């Protein structure tokens, strides 16, 4: 998942216009890496305010988060292979992975912390939230339960296979 995060940020730094394509579904809470979340939030803020955004401007938000902001951003851009073409699809994969982790953690918390008689009610609530799109993309109950069932033996997902060996 971390390589997806840096790839998305690298794509945004190479071509800030990509933000318009991804800001409708990707949120800063989809990022685990604090630096990537900070850059994404900063970029969205700049774009929403009609201000310019690029790699040089992005270094402002990383002071105190990473030791060498410019080098960190250069590494993010390098991870894209020098192109932003896959940025939107990587953003979608990142959002799906974050959504899966949130769903898994929510169900695990319910199973671990609730009284047995309360579990069905709480599972229905989280399934309804996911079906309504509050946890990301709208899904059917079958899709949610099937995804959860498959994840029980795997543990929480740590990354998403993009199909590109060098990016995984």
Protein backbone atom coordinates (compact mmCIF):
# COMPACT_ATOMS: atom_id res chain seq x y z
CA UNK A 1 0.00 0.00 0.00
CA UNK A 2 2.88 2.38 0.75
CA UNK A 3 4.19 2.16 -2.82
CA UNK A 4 0.71 3.06 -4.08
CA UNK A 5 0.69 6.07 -1.77
CA UNK A 6 4.02 7.39 -2.99
CA UNK A 7 3.06 6.68 -6.59
CA UNK A 8 -0.17 8.68 -6.25
CA UNK A 9 1.70 11.59 -4.66
CA UNK A 10 4.39 11.39 -7.34
CA UNK A 11 1.72 11.51 -10.04
CA UNK A 12 0.15 14.57 -8.43
CA UNK A 13 3.54 16.28 -8.25
CA UNK A 14 4.26 15.55 -11.92
CA UNK A 15 0.78 16.60 -13.08
CA UNK A 16 -1.31 18.47 -10.48
CA UNK A 17 -4.35 18.43 -12.79
CA UNK A 18 -4.79 14.77 -11.87
CA UNK A 19 -6.24 15.99 -8.56
CA UNK A 20 -9.49 16.87 -10.33
CA UNK A 21 -9.89 13.21 -11.29
CA UNK A 22 -9.21 11.72 -7.87
CA UNK A 23 -10.34 14.22 -5.26
CA UNK A 24 -13.94 13.02 -5.53
CA UNK A 25 -13.14 9.64 -4.01
CA UNK A 26 -9.65 9.69 -2.49
CA UNK A 27 -9.27 11.24 0.96
CA UNK A 28 -6.25 11.97 3.11
CA UNK A 29 -7.46 9.26 5.53
CA UNK A 30 -6.80 6.71 2.76
CA UNK A 31 -3.06 7.31 3.27
CA UNK A 32 -1.09 5.54 6.01
CA UNK A 33 2.10 7.49 5.41
CA UNK A 34 1.87 10.79 7.27
CA UNK A 35 3.97 12.61 4.67
CA UNK A 36 1.78 11.44 1.78
CA UNK A 37 -1.40 12.37 3.66
CA UNK A 38 0.06 15.82 4.38
CA UNK A 39 1.01 16.42 0.72
CA UNK A 40 -2.40 15.24 -0.51
CA UNK A 41 -4.31 17.44 1.96
CA UNK A 42 -2.07 20.40 1.11
CA UNK A 43 -2.54 19.87 -2.63
CA UNK A 44 -6.33 19.66 -2.28
CA UNK A 45 -6.33 22.83 -0.18
CA UNK A 46 -4.25 24.71 -2.73
CA UNK A 47 -6.37 23.57 -5.68
CA UNK A 48 -9.66 24.33 -3.88
CA UNK A 49 -8.39 27.84 -3.10
CA UNK A 50 -7.35 28.42 -6.72
CA UNK A 51 -3.68 28.59 -5.73
CA UNK A 52 -0.81 27.01 -7.65
CA UNK A 53 0.61 23.66 -6.56
CA UNK A 54 3.77 21.88 -7.59
CA UNK A 55 6.66 19.91 -6.06
CA UNK A 56 8.45 23.04 -4.86
CA UNK A 57 5.34 24.37 -3.11
CA UNK A 58 4.66 20.90 -1.65
CA UNK A 59 7.89 20.99 0.35
CA UNK A 60 6.25 23.60 2.63
CA UNK A 61 3.88 21.06 4.17
CA UNK A 62 6.58 18.48 4.90
CA UNK A 63 8.79 20.49 7.24
CA UNK A 64 8.74 18.71 10.57
CA UNK A 65 7.34 15.52 9.01
CA UNK A 66 10.31 14.32 6.96
CA UNK A 67 13.94 15.28 7.33
CA UNK A 68 14.55 16.18 3.67
CA UNK A 69 11.26 17.22 2.01
CA UNK A 70 12.67 17.79 -1.49
CA UNK A 71 14.38 14.41 -1.56
CA UNK A 72 11.24 12.69 -0.28
CA UNK A 73 9.13 14.28 -3.04
CA UNK A 74 11.74 13.43 -5.67
CA UNK A 75 11.56 9.79 -4.53
CA UNK A 76 7.76 9.86 -4.86
CA UNK A 77 8.08 11.17 -8.42
CA UNK A 78 10.68 8.51 -9.24
CA UNK A 79 8.30 5.76 -8.08
CA UNK A 80 5.85 6.71 -10.83
CA UNK A 81 8.37 5.83 -13.51
CA UNK A 82 8.42 9.48 -14.56
CA UNK A 83 4.80 9.55 -15.70
CA UNK A 84 1.47 10.38 -14.13
CA UNK A 85 -0.54 8.13 -16.47
CA UNK A 86 -1.30 5.49 -13.82
CA UNK A 87 -1.95 8.02 -11.07
CA UNK A 88 -5.75 7.81 -11.17
CA UNK A 89 -5.82 4.01 -11.27
CA UNK A 90 -3.30 3.85 -8.42
CA UNK A 91 -5.47 6.29 -6.45
CA UNK A 92 -8.44 4.01 -6.99
CA UNK A 93 -6.45 0.96 -5.84
CA UNK A 94 -5.22 2.90 -2.81
CA UNK A 95 -8.76 3.92 -1.89
CA UNK A 96 -9.99 0.32 -2.27
CA UNK A 97 -7.16 -0.98 -0.08
CA UNK A 98 -7.86 1.64 2.60
CA UNK A 99 -11.57 0.87 2.40
CA UNK A 100 -10.87 -2.84 2.86
CA UNK A 101 -8.68 -2.17 5.87
CA UNK A 102 -11.33 0.08 7.46
CA UNK A 103 -14.01 -2.54 6.89
CA UNK A 104 -11.81 -5.32 8.27
CA UNK A 105 -10.84 -3.30 11.33
CA UNK A 106 -14.45 -2.25 11.95
CA UNK A 107 -15.73 -5.81 11.83
CA UNK A 108 -12.82 -7.06 13.97
CA UNK A 109 -13.53 -4.37 16.59
CA UNK A 110 -17.20 -5.37 16.67
CA UNK A 111 -16.35 -9.06 17.04
CA UNK A 112 -13.74 -8.43 19.74
CA UNK A 113 -15.45 -5.75 21.81
CA UNK A 114 -19.18 -6.43 21.68
CA UNK A 115 -21.37 -8.73 23.68
CA UNK A 116 -22.41 -11.71 21.52
CA UNK A 117 -26.06 -10.58 21.40
CA UNK A 118 -25.01 -7.11 20.07
CA UNK A 119 -22.79 -8.40 17.26
CA UNK A 120 -25.47 -8.98 14.59
CA UNK A 121 -26.86 -5.46 15.03
CA UNK A 122 -23.43 -3.84 14.81
CA UNK A 123 -22.42 -5.93 11.78
CA UNK A 124 -25.62 -4.85 10.03
CA UNK A 125 -24.82 -1.19 10.80
CA UNK A 126 -21.32 -1.39 9.33
CA UNK A 127 -22.64 -3.29 6.28
CA UNK A 128 -25.28 -0.60 5.75
CA UNK A 129 -22.66 2.14 5.96
CA UNK A 130 -20.51 0.36 3.41
CA UNK A 131 -23.49 -0.29 1.13
CA UNK A 132 -24.43 3.40 1.26
CA UNK A 133 -20.90 4.37 0.29
CA UNK A 134 -19.93 5.85 3.65
CA UNK A 135 -16.88 3.58 3.72
CA UNK A 136 -16.03 4.25 0.09
CA UNK A 137 -17.53 2.87 -3.10
CA UNK A 138 -21.09 1.51 -2.83
CA UNK A 139 -21.21 -2.28 -2.67
CA UNK A 140 -23.76 -5.01 -2.30
CA UNK A 141 -24.06 -6.93 0.96
CA UNK A 142 -22.87 -10.06 -0.85
CA UNK A 143 -19.69 -8.28 -2.01
CA UNK A 144 -19.00 -6.99 1.50
CA UNK A 145 -19.55 -10.29 3.26
CA UNK A 146 -17.62 -12.21 0.63
CA UNK A 147 -14.70 -9.79 0.94
CA UNK A 148 -14.77 -10.08 4.72
CA UNK A 149 -15.01 -13.88 4.63
CA UNK A 150 -11.99 -14.08 2.34
CA UNK A 151 -10.01 -11.73 4.61
CA UNK A 152 -10.62 -13.74 7.80
CA UNK A 153 -7.83 -16.19 7.03
CA UNK A 154 -5.52 -13.58 5.52
CA UNK A 155 -5.50 -10.96 8.28
CA UNK A 156 -5.70 -7.28 7.42
CA UNK A 157 -4.57 -6.46 3.88
CA UNK A 158 -1.21 -4.71 3.83
CA UNK A 159 -0.95 -3.89 0.14
CA UNK A 160 -2.74 -4.23 -3.15
CA UNK A 161 -1.27 -6.08 -6.09
CA UNK A 162 -1.28 -3.61 -8.98
CA UNK A 163 -0.25 -6.14 -11.60
CA UNK A 164 2.99 -4.26 -12.21
CA UNK A 165 5.84 -6.18 -10.56
CA UNK A 166 8.12 -3.17 -10.26
CA UNK A 167 5.42 -1.16 -8.49
CA UNK A 168 4.35 -3.94 -6.08
